[in-house]
Amino acid sequence: MEATQSFRLFGKSDTHEITCHRVDGKNVVLWEDIEQVFPGINVKSASKTKLTFGDAAALAQKKAHESEIEQRLISSMTPEIQERLRASSVYNSIVQAIKDAQEDQSNQLMGYHQEHKGGVAKVYELTSKTLELTTKNSELMTKVYELTTENKGLGPQMIKLQEASDDKQEE
């Protein structure tokens, strides 16, 4: 069963029709039909098939060729096929966006993990240094206490020695 679909070129007001052929239960647009609707269209084979339009070159420069051609071909198909293609395209876009977001999130988490590991190592280093300084401080405080205790006993002895020295000088 063949169906004719009408569509409009981007930025143009004239409407074009193209025939969709039913092949193996699918709607197919033949290149010959596209060539009839778009005189001057060229098909170049490389790793991908690319379309170039003679009169529409300026328009094609404004928009990405693939997107423009995709929209033209989609608009030439039956509404059911259009819906499936758009749903598939939206689904694929969503899947790709999710994959990209997951990759970005994974990279971001890896960065946070590396920062966290570095932070943990720094905290460990600072904690060890603090413990070392606290131990040294405790040892010094113990020494100060010991010296202070010794000096308390020396105080009265110093007074006696001073008095004895004063007495000898008076003589």
C-alpha atoms as a PDB file:
ATOM      1  CA  MET A   1       0.000   0.000   0.000  1.00  0.00           C
ATOM      2  CA  GLU A   2       1.417   3.354  -0.998  1.00  0.00           C
ATOM      3  CA  ALA A   3       0.668   6.551   0.849  1.00  0.00           C
ATOM      4  CA  THR A   4       1.520  10.108  -0.013  1.00  0.00           C
ATOM      5  CA  GLN A   5       2.689  12.411   2.740  1.00  0.00           C
ATOM      6  CA  SER A   6       2.888  16.198   2.563  1.00  0.00           C
ATOM      7  CA  PHE A   7       5.614  18.160   4.265  1.00  0.00           C
ATOM      8  CA  ARG A   8       7.125  21.612   4.227  1.00  0.00           C
ATOM      9  CA  LEU A   9      10.777  22.548   3.877  1.00  0.00           C
ATOM     10  CA  PHE A  10      12.246  24.380   6.850  1.00  0.00           C
ATOM     11  CA  GLY A  11      11.957  28.106   6.280  1.00  0.00           C
ATOM     12  CA  LYS A  12       9.832  27.686   3.142  1.00  0.00           C
ATOM     13  CA  SER A  13       6.112  28.023   2.698  1.00  0.00           C
ATOM     14  CA  ASP A  14       5.666  25.628  -0.234  1.00  0.00           C
ATOM     15  CA  THR A  15       4.511  22.086   0.498  1.00  0.00           C
ATOM     16  CA  HIS A  16       6.058  18.994  -1.085  1.00  0.00           C
ATOM     17  CA  GLU A  17       4.723  15.470  -1.349  1.00  0.00           C
ATOM     18  CA  ILE A  18       6.665  12.250  -1.322  1.00  0.00           C
ATOM     19  CA  THR A  19       5.484   8.673  -1.691  1.00  0.00           C
ATOM     20  CA  CYS A  20       5.971   6.094   1.045  1.00  0.00           C
ATOM     21  CA  HIS A  21       6.158   2.528  -0.273  1.00  0.00           C
ATOM     22  CA  ARG A  22       5.173  -0.458   1.827  1.00  0.00           C
ATOM     23  CA  VAL A  23       8.044  -2.984   1.775  1.00  0.00           C
ATOM     24  CA  ASP A  24       8.136  -5.999   4.102  1.00  0.00           C
ATOM     25  CA  GLY A  25       5.537  -4.398   6.354  1.00  0.00           C
ATOM     26  CA  LYS A  26       7.498  -1.148   6.647  1.00  0.00           C
ATOM     27  CA  ASN A  27       7.056   2.270   5.080  1.00  0.00           C
ATOM     28  CA  VAL A  28      10.061   3.078   2.915  1.00  0.00           C
ATOM     29  CA  VAL A  29      10.992   6.270   1.078  1.00  0.00           C
ATOM     30  CA  LEU A  30      12.914   5.556  -2.110  1.00  0.00           C
ATOM     31  CA  TRP A  31      15.836   7.708  -3.224  1.00  0.00           C
ATOM     32  CA  GLU A  32      14.232   8.113  -6.623  1.00  0.00           C
ATOM     33  CA  ASP A  33      11.223   9.731  -4.943  1.00  0.00           C
ATOM     34  CA  ILE A  34      13.458  12.052  -2.938  1.00  0.00           C
ATOM     35  CA  GLU A  35      15.335  13.007  -6.111  1.00  0.00           C
ATOM     36  CA  GLN A  36      12.043  13.889  -7.792  1.00  0.00           C
ATOM     37  CA  VAL A  37      10.964  16.113  -4.905  1.00  0.00           C
ATOM     38  CA  PHE A  38      14.403  17.703  -4.452  1.00  0.00           C
ATOM     39  CA  PRO A  39      16.038  18.290  -7.824  1.00  0.00           C
ATOM     40  CA  GLY A  40      19.775  18.557  -7.404  1.00  0.00           C
ATOM     41  CA  ILE A  41      20.018  16.222  -4.416  1.00  0.00           C
ATOM     42  CA  ASN A  42      23.195  14.153  -4.404  1.00  0.00           C
ATOM     43  CA  VAL A  43      23.909  10.985  -2.484  1.00  0.00           C
ATOM     44  CA  LYS A  44      27.532  10.520  -1.501  1.00  0.00           C
ATOM     45  CA  SER A  45      28.667   7.209  -0.054  1.00  0.00           C
ATOM     46  CA  ALA A  46      31.313   7.142   2.618  1.00  0.00           C
ATOM     47  CA  SER A  47      31.146   5.540   6.027  1.00  0.00           C
ATOM     48  CA  LYS A  48      27.690   7.135   6.227  1.00  0.00           C
ATOM     49  CA  THR A  49      25.323   8.209   3.506  1.00  0.00           C
ATOM     50  CA  LYS A  50      25.189  11.973   3.272  1.00  0.00           C
ATOM     51  CA  LEU A  51      22.730  14.103   1.379  1.00  0.00           C
ATOM     52  CA  THR A  52      23.521  17.454  -0.161  1.00  0.00           C
ATOM     53  CA  PHE A  53      20.914  19.768  -1.596  1.00  0.00           C
ATOM     54  CA  GLY A  54      21.678  22.049  -4.526  1.00  0.00           C
ATOM     55  CA  ASP A  55      19.196  24.887  -3.922  1.00  0.00           C
ATOM     56  CA  ALA A  56      18.919  24.315  -0.182  1.00  0.00           C
ATOM     57  CA  ALA A  57      22.669  24.647   0.543  1.00  0.00           C
ATOM     58  CA  ALA A  58      22.271  27.926   2.433  1.00  0.00           C
ATOM     59  CA  LEU A  59      19.510  26.433   4.537  1.00  0.00           C
ATOM     60  CA  ALA A  60      21.576  23.307   5.192  1.00  0.00           C
ATOM     61  CA  GLN A  61      24.451  25.450   6.472  1.00  0.00           C
ATOM     62  CA  LYS A  62      22.176  26.969   9.116  1.00  0.00           C
ATOM     63  CA  LYS A  63      21.025  23.627  10.458  1.00  0.00           C
ATOM     64  CA  ALA A  64      22.794  20.310  10.806  1.00  0.00           C
ATOM     65  CA  HIS A  65      22.283  18.204   7.666  1.00  0.00           C
ATOM     66  CA  GLU A  66      21.471  15.045   9.542  1.00  0.00           C
ATOM     67  CA  SER A  67      18.803  16.654  11.690  1.00  0.00           C
ATOM     68  CA  GLU A  68      17.231  18.465   8.752  1.00  0.00           C
ATOM     69  CA  ILE A  69      17.145  15.388   6.548  1.00  0.00           C
ATOM     70  CA  GLU A  70      15.864  13.264   9.404  1.00  0.00           C
ATOM     71  CA  GLN A  71      13.022  15.699  10.028  1.00  0.00           C
ATOM     72  CA  ARG A  72      12.117  15.792   6.337  1.00  0.00           C
ATOM     73  CA  LEU A  73      12.072  12.044   6.045  1.00  0.00           C
ATOM     74  CA  ILE A  74      10.130  11.611   9.277  1.00  0.00           C
ATOM     75  CA  SER A  75       7.559  14.160   8.201  1.00  0.00           C
ATOM     76  CA  SER A  76       7.078  12.251   4.958  1.00  0.00           C
ATOM     77  CA  MET A  77       5.979   9.104   6.779  1.00  0.00           C
ATOM     78  CA  THR A  78       2.628   8.070   8.185  1.00  0.00           C
ATOM     79  CA  PRO A  79       1.685   9.415  11.621  1.00  0.00           C
ATOM     80  CA  GLU A  80       2.146   5.994  13.242  1.00  0.00           C
ATOM     81  CA  ILE A  81       5.662   5.656  11.856  1.00  0.00           C
ATOM     82  CA  GLN A  82       6.432   9.264  12.789  1.00  0.00           C
ATOM     83  CA  GLU A  83       5.313   8.583  16.335  1.00  0.00           C
ATOM     84  CA  ARG A  84       7.469   5.453  16.567  1.00  0.00           C
ATOM     85  CA  LEU A  85      10.504   7.187  15.099  1.00  0.00           C
ATOM     86  CA  ARG A  86      10.159  10.201  17.341  1.00  0.00           C
ATOM     87  CA  ALA A  87       9.558   7.984  20.371  1.00  0.00           C
ATOM     88  CA  SER A  88      12.613   5.929  19.427  1.00  0.00           C
ATOM     89  CA  SER A  89      14.647   9.083  18.862  1.00  0.00           C
ATOM     90  CA  VAL A  90      13.486  10.550  22.168  1.00  0.00           C
ATOM     91  CA  TYR A  91      14.187   7.244  23.913  1.00  0.00           C
ATOM     92  CA  ASN A  92      17.682   7.061  22.393  1.00  0.00           C
ATOM     93  CA  SER A  93      18.324  10.690  23.342  1.00  0.00           C
ATOM     94  CA  ILE A  94      17.188  10.008  26.897  1.00  0.00           C
ATOM     95  CA  VAL A  95      19.315   6.855  27.107  1.00  0.00           C
ATOM     96  CA  GLN A  96      22.339   8.767  25.798  1.00  0.00           C
ATOM     97  CA  ALA A  97      21.700  11.642  28.197  1.00  0.00           C
ATOM     98  CA  ILE A  98      21.443   9.173  31.090  1.00  0.00           C
ATOM     99  CA  LYS A  99      24.678   7.454  30.024  1.00  0.00           C
ATOM    100  CA  ASP A 100      26.437  10.821  29.720  1.00  0.00           C
ATOM    101  CA  ALA A 101      25.084  11.924  33.100  1.00  0.00           C
ATOM    102  CA  GLN A 102      26.141   8.640  34.704  1.00  0.00           C
ATOM    103  CA  GLU A 103      29.612   8.983  33.201  1.00  0.00           C
ATOM    104  CA  ASP A 104      29.876  12.583  34.408  1.00  0.00           C
ATOM    105  CA  GLN A 105      28.606  11.577  37.836  1.00  0.00           C
ATOM    106  CA  SER A 106      31.025   8.642  37.965  1.00  0.00           C
ATOM    107  CA  ASN A 107      33.940  10.915  37.030  1.00  0.00           C
ATOM    108  CA  GLN A 108      32.814  13.471  39.589  1.00  0.00           C
ATOM    109  CA  LEU A 109      32.502  10.799  42.293  1.00  0.00           C
ATOM    110  CA  MET A 110      35.941   9.460  41.385  1.00  0.00           C
ATOM    111  CA  GLY A 111      37.317  12.974  41.804  1.00  0.00           C
ATOM    112  CA  TYR A 112      35.592  13.312  45.171  1.00  0.00           C
ATOM    113  CA  HIS A 113      36.949   9.900  46.173  1.00  0.00           C
ATOM    114  CA  GLN A 114      40.494  10.945  45.256  1.00  0.00           C
ATOM    115  CA  GLU A 115      40.069  14.216  47.165  1.00  0.00           C
ATOM    116  CA  HIS A 116      38.680  12.272  50.144  1.00  0.00           C
ATOM    117  CA  LYS A 117      41.607   9.831  50.074  1.00  0.00           C
ATOM    118  CA  GLY A 118      44.021  12.757  49.997  1.00  0.00           C
ATOM    119  CA  GLY A 119      42.122  14.430  52.832  1.00  0.00           C
ATOM    120  CA  VAL A 120      42.159  11.261  54.935  1.00  0.00           C
ATOM    121  CA  ALA A 121      45.912  10.894  54.423  1.00  0.00           C
ATOM    122  CA  LYS A 122      46.423  14.548  55.410  1.00  0.00           C
ATOM    123  CA  VAL A 123      44.231  14.116  58.517  1.00  0.00           C
ATOM    124  CA  TYR A 124      46.220  10.986  59.476  1.00  0.00           C
ATOM    125  CA  GLU A 125      49.490  12.867  58.998  1.00  0.00           C
ATOM    126  CA  LEU A 126      48.273  15.837  61.054  1.00  0.00           C
ATOM    127  CA  THR A 127      46.892  13.549  63.777  1.00  0.00           C
ATOM    128  CA  SER A 128      50.236  11.726  64.028  1.00  0.00           C
ATOM    129  CA  LYS A 129      52.095  15.049  64.239  1.00  0.00           C
ATOM    130  CA  THR A 130      49.644  16.312  66.889  1.00  0.00           C
ATOM    131  CA  LEU A 131      50.130  13.129  68.933  1.00  0.00           C
ATOM    132  CA  GLU A 132      53.901  13.480  68.655  1.00  0.00           C
ATOM    133  CA  LEU A 133      53.784  17.129  69.771  1.00  0.00           C
ATOM    134  CA  THR A 134      51.347  16.312  72.590  1.00  0.00           C
ATOM    135  CA  THR A 135      53.681  13.576  73.858  1.00  0.00           C
ATOM    136  CA  LYS A 136      56.664  15.944  73.716  1.00  0.00           C
ATOM    137  CA  ASN A 137      54.630  18.663  75.481  1.00  0.00           C
ATOM    138  CA  SER A 138      53.647  16.190  78.200  1.00  0.00           C
ATOM    139  CA  GLU A 139      57.302  15.233  78.711  1.00  0.00           C
ATOM    140  CA  LEU A 140      58.298  18.905  78.968  1.00  0.00           C
ATOM    141  CA  MET A 141      55.484  19.633  81.429  1.00  0.00           C
ATOM    142  CA  THR A 142      56.651  16.706  83.576  1.00  0.00           C
ATOM    143  CA  LYS A 143      60.199  18.095  83.502  1.00  0.00           C
ATOM    144  CA  VAL A 144      58.951  21.593  84.450  1.00  0.00           C
ATOM    145  CA  TYR A 145      56.995  20.097  87.347  1.00  0.00           C
ATOM    146  CA  GLU A 146      60.063  18.189  88.544  1.00  0.00           C
ATOM    147  CA  LEU A 147      62.235  21.318  88.370  1.00  0.00           C
ATOM    148  CA  THR A 148      59.590  23.397  90.118  1.00  0.00           C
ATOM    149  CA  THR A 149      59.345  20.804  92.872  1.00  0.00           C
ATOM    150  CA  GLU A 150      63.140  20.785  93.275  1.00  0.00           C
ATOM    151  CA  ASN A 151      63.215  24.573  93.356  1.00  0.00           C
ATOM    152  CA  LYS A 152      60.647  24.684  96.163  1.00  0.00           C
ATOM    153  CA  GLY A 153      63.088  22.807  98.370  1.00  0.00           C
ATOM    154  CA  LEU A 154      65.952  25.060  97.272  1.00  0.00           C
ATOM    155  CA  GLY A 155      64.108  28.250  98.192  1.00  0.00           C
ATOM    156  CA  PRO A 156      64.647  28.032 101.968  1.00  0.00           C
ATOM    157  CA  GLN A 157      68.232  26.795 101.431  1.00  0.00           C
ATOM    158  CA  MET A 158      68.931  29.806  99.218  1.00  0.00           C
ATOM    159  CA  ILE A 159      67.607  32.133 101.898  1.00  0.00           C
ATOM    160  CA  LYS A 160      69.862  30.511 104.520  1.00  0.00           C
ATOM    161  CA  LEU A 161      72.876  30.730 102.206  1.00  0.00           C
ATOM    162  CA  GLN A 162      72.119  34.362 101.472  1.00  0.00           C
ATOM    163  CA  GLU A 163      71.854  35.146 105.186  1.00  0.00           C
ATOM    164  CA  ALA A 164      75.129  33.319 105.841  1.00  0.00           C
ATOM    165  CA  SER A 165      76.775  35.248 103.056  1.00  0.00           C
ATOM    166  CA  ASP A 166      75.469  38.515 104.452  1.00  0.00           C
ATOM    167  CA  ASP A 167      76.752  37.601 107.920  1.00  0.00           C
ATOM    168  CA  LYS A 168      80.228  36.865 106.571  1.00  0.00           C
ATOM    169  CA  GLN A 169      80.333  40.153 104.768  1.00  0.00           C
ATOM    170  CA  GLU A 170      79.460  42.023 107.965  1.00  0.00           C
ATOM    171  CA  GLU A 171      82.335  40.464 109.795  1.00  0.00           C
END
